[in-house]
Amino acid sequence: MSGILNSSIGRKFAMALSALFLMIFLLQHFTINLLSVFSADAFNEVSHFMGTFWLIQYVLQPVLIFGVIFHFIMGFVLEIRNRNARQVSYAKNNGAANSSWMSRNMIWSGLAILAFIGLHFYDFWLPEINTKYIQGDMSGLLANGEFRYFEELQHKFVDIWRVVLYCIAFIFLALHLLHGFSSAFQSTGMNNKYSKGLQSFGKAYAIIIPLGFIFIALFHHFTH
């Protein structure tokens, strides 16, 4: 593993695989959250299952956290190496003519997303860990006997400042994904007869998923 990560191609390949893994998780996370728009009961039941099933909690969740940490650390490593490599080439040619603005600023969109993940953990993950493992309440129930997940979700989107921060973060996510999706497929060698279709799918994904999250945040803010 260390040998692979020591090479430039190996690092890009590992970065791409972690990106594709996180994209799959993001789609799953969006699908569950979208249930909250159509059915509070369905959202509660699925959320309770995701929060209590041992395979998800003790296997998939640690893998996800590792994937997030790995992706961002590898992103910073690649960005630093790329910037050092570009210092010479930029003196000879116009870097902006050879790459898009987004490809040159992935580090900033990544930092914005990382800050959002911190807020998201503070809003949802840390309270969940506190409730289940510190208070020892695995029931997921409120005092009135109803599941707490939907109520907690709505409560977080009461304040307009939090909704605005979430919307800004998802705009950065869209920009990050627009470049990241095509870059991930390139790095994994998926340039073939399906490339044009994959590129179109990537653009649709990069726009629809963040817009969907924005819609969910706005929906709960205005319907609470």
Protein backbone atom coordinates (compact mmCIF):
# COMPACT_ATOMS: atom_id res chain seq x y z
CA MET A 1 0.00 0.00 0.00
CA SER A 2 2.79 2.43 0.92
CA GLY A 3 4.50 1.64 -2.38
CA ILE A 4 1.40 2.60 -4.34
CA LEU A 5 1.00 5.86 -2.42
CA ASN A 6 4.64 6.77 -3.01
CA SER A 7 4.06 7.13 -6.75
CA SER A 8 2.21 10.04 -8.35
CA ILE A 9 -0.09 7.73 -10.35
CA GLY A 10 -0.75 5.62 -7.26
CA ARG A 11 -1.73 8.66 -5.19
CA LYS A 12 -4.09 9.92 -7.91
CA PHE A 13 -5.65 6.47 -8.27
CA ALA A 14 -6.17 6.16 -4.50
CA MET A 15 -7.62 9.69 -4.42
CA ALA A 16 -10.01 8.80 -7.24
CA LEU A 17 -11.19 5.60 -5.56
CA SER A 18 -11.86 7.42 -2.29
CA ALA A 19 -13.77 10.10 -4.24
CA LEU A 20 -15.96 7.51 -5.98
CA PHE A 21 -16.62 5.82 -2.63
CA LEU A 22 -17.70 9.13 -1.08
CA MET A 23 -19.92 9.89 -4.08
CA ILE A 24 -21.77 6.61 -3.52
CA PHE A 25 -22.22 7.47 0.16
CA LEU A 26 -23.41 10.98 -0.75
CA LEU A 27 -26.10 9.53 -3.02
CA GLN A 28 -27.25 7.16 -0.26
CA HIS A 29 -27.28 10.01 2.29
CA PHE A 30 -29.28 12.21 -0.08
CA THR A 31 -31.82 9.45 -0.74
CA ILE A 32 -32.47 8.98 2.98
CA ASN A 33 -32.72 12.73 3.63
CA LEU A 34 -35.12 13.14 0.73
CA LEU A 35 -37.52 10.78 2.50
CA SER A 36 -37.97 13.49 5.14
CA VAL A 37 -39.70 15.66 2.52
CA PHE A 38 -42.29 13.01 1.65
CA SER A 39 -42.79 10.96 4.82
CA ALA A 40 -41.65 11.67 8.37
CA ASP A 41 -42.44 8.08 9.35
CA ALA A 42 -40.36 6.57 6.55
CA PHE A 43 -37.46 8.90 7.34
CA ASN A 44 -37.65 8.00 11.03
CA GLU A 45 -37.70 4.27 10.38
CA VAL A 46 -34.80 4.30 7.93
CA SER A 47 -32.77 6.64 10.15
CA HIS A 48 -33.35 4.39 13.15
CA PHE A 49 -32.23 1.36 11.15
CA MET A 50 -29.11 3.16 9.92
CA GLY A 51 -28.33 4.32 13.45
CA THR A 52 -28.70 0.96 15.18
CA PHE A 53 -27.80 -1.82 12.73
CA TRP A 54 -24.45 -3.20 13.90
CA LEU A 55 -22.91 -3.59 10.42
CA ILE A 56 -23.52 0.06 9.60
CA GLN A 57 -22.45 1.37 13.00
CA TYR A 58 -19.33 -0.69 13.65
CA VAL A 59 -18.09 -1.51 10.14
CA LEU A 60 -19.37 0.89 7.49
CA GLN A 61 -19.31 4.04 9.64
CA PRO A 62 -15.61 3.68 10.59
CA VAL A 63 -14.81 2.93 6.92
CA LEU A 64 -16.69 6.08 5.90
CA ILE A 65 -14.85 8.25 8.45
CA PHE A 66 -11.53 6.80 7.29
CA GLY A 67 -12.53 7.48 3.66
CA VAL A 68 -13.30 11.13 4.43
CA ILE A 69 -10.04 11.66 6.32
CA PHE A 70 -8.01 9.81 3.67
CA HIS A 71 -9.61 11.76 0.81
CA PHE A 72 -8.88 15.16 2.31
CA ILE A 73 -5.33 14.33 3.44
CA MET A 74 -4.53 12.89 0.01
CA GLY A 75 -6.11 15.94 -1.60
CA PHE A 76 -3.87 18.28 0.37
CA VAL A 77 -0.80 16.17 -0.45
CA LEU A 78 -1.57 16.18 -4.17
CA GLU A 79 -2.36 19.91 -4.15
CA ILE A 80 0.95 20.79 -2.48
CA ARG A 81 2.89 18.59 -4.93
CA ASN A 82 0.99 20.01 -7.91
CA ARG A 83 1.59 23.59 -6.79
CA ASN A 84 5.30 22.93 -6.40
CA ALA A 85 5.41 21.34 -9.85
CA ARG A 86 3.47 24.22 -11.43
CA GLN A 87 5.74 26.97 -10.10
CA VAL A 88 8.25 26.28 -12.88
CA SER A 89 5.75 25.59 -15.65
CA TYR A 90 3.71 28.72 -14.84
CA ALA A 91 6.81 30.82 -15.45
CA LYS A 92 6.87 29.47 -19.01
CA ASN A 93 3.17 29.53 -19.90
CA ASN A 94 -0.21 30.74 -18.79
CA GLY A 95 -1.58 28.17 -16.34
CA ALA A 96 -5.13 29.50 -16.68
CA ALA A 97 -5.03 28.66 -20.40
CA ASN A 98 -4.26 25.01 -19.68
CA SER A 99 -6.66 24.23 -16.83
CA SER A 100 -10.05 25.30 -15.54
CA TRP A 101 -10.54 27.64 -12.59
CA MET A 102 -12.09 24.79 -10.61
CA SER A 103 -9.20 22.42 -11.19
CA ARG A 104 -6.78 25.10 -9.91
CA ASN A 105 -8.90 25.81 -6.82
CA MET A 106 -10.02 22.37 -5.67
CA ILE A 107 -8.16 22.95 -2.40
CA TRP A 108 -10.41 25.90 -1.52
CA SER A 109 -13.66 24.16 -2.34
CA GLY A 110 -12.32 21.16 -0.42
CA LEU A 111 -11.60 23.33 2.64
CA ALA A 112 -15.10 24.80 2.47
CA ILE A 113 -16.58 21.30 2.32
CA LEU A 114 -14.36 20.19 5.20
CA ALA A 115 -15.62 23.12 7.31
CA PHE A 116 -19.18 22.13 6.43
CA ILE A 117 -18.53 18.52 7.47
CA GLY A 118 -17.36 19.88 10.82
CA LEU A 119 -20.63 21.80 11.20
CA HIS A 120 -22.64 18.79 10.08
CA PHE A 121 -20.89 16.56 12.61
CA TYR A 122 -21.58 19.16 15.31
CA ASP A 123 -25.25 19.36 14.31
CA PHE A 124 -26.04 15.67 13.90
CA TRP A 125 -23.25 13.14 14.46
CA LEU A 126 -21.95 14.31 17.85
CA PRO A 127 -25.44 14.61 19.41
CA GLU A 128 -26.21 11.13 18.04
CA ILE A 129 -23.04 9.68 19.58
CA ASN A 130 -23.83 11.44 22.87
CA THR A 131 -27.39 10.10 22.95
CA LYS A 132 -26.51 6.52 22.08
CA TYR A 133 -23.16 5.87 23.71
CA ILE A 134 -22.86 8.40 26.55
CA GLN A 135 -26.48 8.61 27.68
CA GLY A 136 -26.99 4.99 26.64
CA ASP A 137 -30.29 5.59 24.84
CA MET A 138 -30.43 3.34 21.76
CA SER A 139 -34.21 3.54 21.41
CA GLY A 140 -34.25 6.63 19.20
CA LEU A 141 -37.46 7.71 20.90
CA LEU A 142 -38.68 10.98 22.36
CA ALA A 143 -40.57 11.24 25.65
CA ASN A 144 -43.87 10.90 23.77
CA GLY A 145 -42.80 7.59 22.22
CA GLU A 146 -42.15 8.92 18.70
CA PHE A 147 -38.82 8.67 16.88
CA ARG A 148 -36.69 11.78 17.34
CA TYR A 149 -34.90 11.88 13.95
CA PHE A 150 -37.41 13.91 11.94
CA GLU A 151 -37.99 16.41 14.74
CA GLU A 152 -34.25 16.91 15.23
CA LEU A 153 -33.75 17.41 11.49
CA GLN A 154 -36.45 20.08 11.31
CA HIS A 155 -35.16 21.79 14.45
CA LYS A 156 -31.70 22.27 12.91
CA PHE A 157 -33.12 24.21 9.98
CA VAL A 158 -35.13 26.74 11.98
CA ASP A 159 -32.31 29.32 12.06
CA ILE A 160 -31.81 31.04 8.72
CA TRP A 161 -28.04 31.46 9.27
CA ARG A 162 -27.58 27.70 9.42
CA VAL A 163 -29.67 27.22 6.27
CA VAL A 164 -27.56 29.83 4.45
CA LEU A 165 -24.32 28.10 5.53
CA TYR A 166 -25.66 24.75 4.34
CA CYS A 167 -26.68 26.21 0.97
CA ILE A 168 -23.27 27.86 0.46
CA ALA A 169 -21.54 24.60 1.36
CA PHE A 170 -23.59 22.68 -1.19
CA ILE A 171 -22.72 25.23 -3.89
CA PHE A 172 -19.04 24.58 -3.13
CA LEU A 173 -19.80 20.86 -3.21
CA ALA A 174 -21.30 21.21 -6.69
CA LEU A 175 -18.21 23.06 -7.94
CA HIS A 176 -15.95 20.45 -6.33
CA LEU A 177 -17.90 17.58 -7.86
CA LEU A 178 -18.01 19.11 -11.35
CA HIS A 179 -14.26 18.77 -11.62
CA GLY A 180 -13.78 15.87 -9.20
CA PHE A 181 -16.11 13.45 -10.96
CA SER A 182 -14.39 13.69 -14.35
CA SER A 183 -10.97 13.69 -12.68
CA ALA A 184 -11.82 10.53 -10.71
CA PHE A 185 -12.86 8.65 -13.85
CA GLN A 186 -9.75 9.84 -15.67
CA SER A 187 -7.46 8.72 -12.85
CA THR A 188 -9.03 5.26 -12.72
CA GLY A 189 -8.54 4.79 -16.48
CA MET A 190 -12.20 4.87 -17.44
CA ASN A 191 -11.58 6.77 -20.66
CA ASN A 192 -13.34 4.61 -23.23
CA LYS A 193 -16.42 4.58 -25.46
CA TYR A 194 -18.55 5.30 -22.39
CA SER A 195 -16.56 8.42 -21.46
CA LYS A 196 -19.03 10.91 -22.92
CA GLY A 197 -21.93 9.26 -21.11
CA LEU A 198 -19.96 9.17 -17.85
CA GLN A 199 -19.08 12.84 -18.21
CA SER A 200 -22.75 13.73 -18.74
CA PHE A 201 -23.75 11.60 -15.75
CA GLY A 202 -21.05 13.27 -13.65
CA LYS A 203 -22.27 16.76 -14.52
CA ALA A 204 -25.86 15.81 -13.75
CA TYR A 205 -24.81 14.24 -10.43
CA ALA A 206 -22.70 17.28 -9.49
CA ILE A 207 -25.66 19.62 -10.02
CA ILE A 208 -28.70 17.56 -8.99
CA ILE A 209 -27.40 16.14 -5.68
CA PRO A 210 -26.23 19.48 -4.17
CA LEU A 211 -29.40 21.19 -5.42
CA GLY A 212 -31.40 18.39 -3.81
CA PHE A 213 -29.71 18.97 -0.46
CA ILE A 214 -30.37 22.72 -0.77
CA PHE A 215 -34.03 21.97 -1.49
CA ILE A 216 -34.26 19.75 1.61
CA ALA A 217 -32.76 22.45 3.85
CA LEU A 218 -35.07 25.14 2.45
CA PHE A 219 -38.09 22.85 2.64
CA HIS A 220 -37.64 22.18 6.35
CA HIS A 221 -36.89 25.83 7.08
CA PHE A 222 -40.09 27.07 5.46
CA THR A 223 -42.40 24.25 6.55
CA HIS A 224 -41.34 23.94 10.20
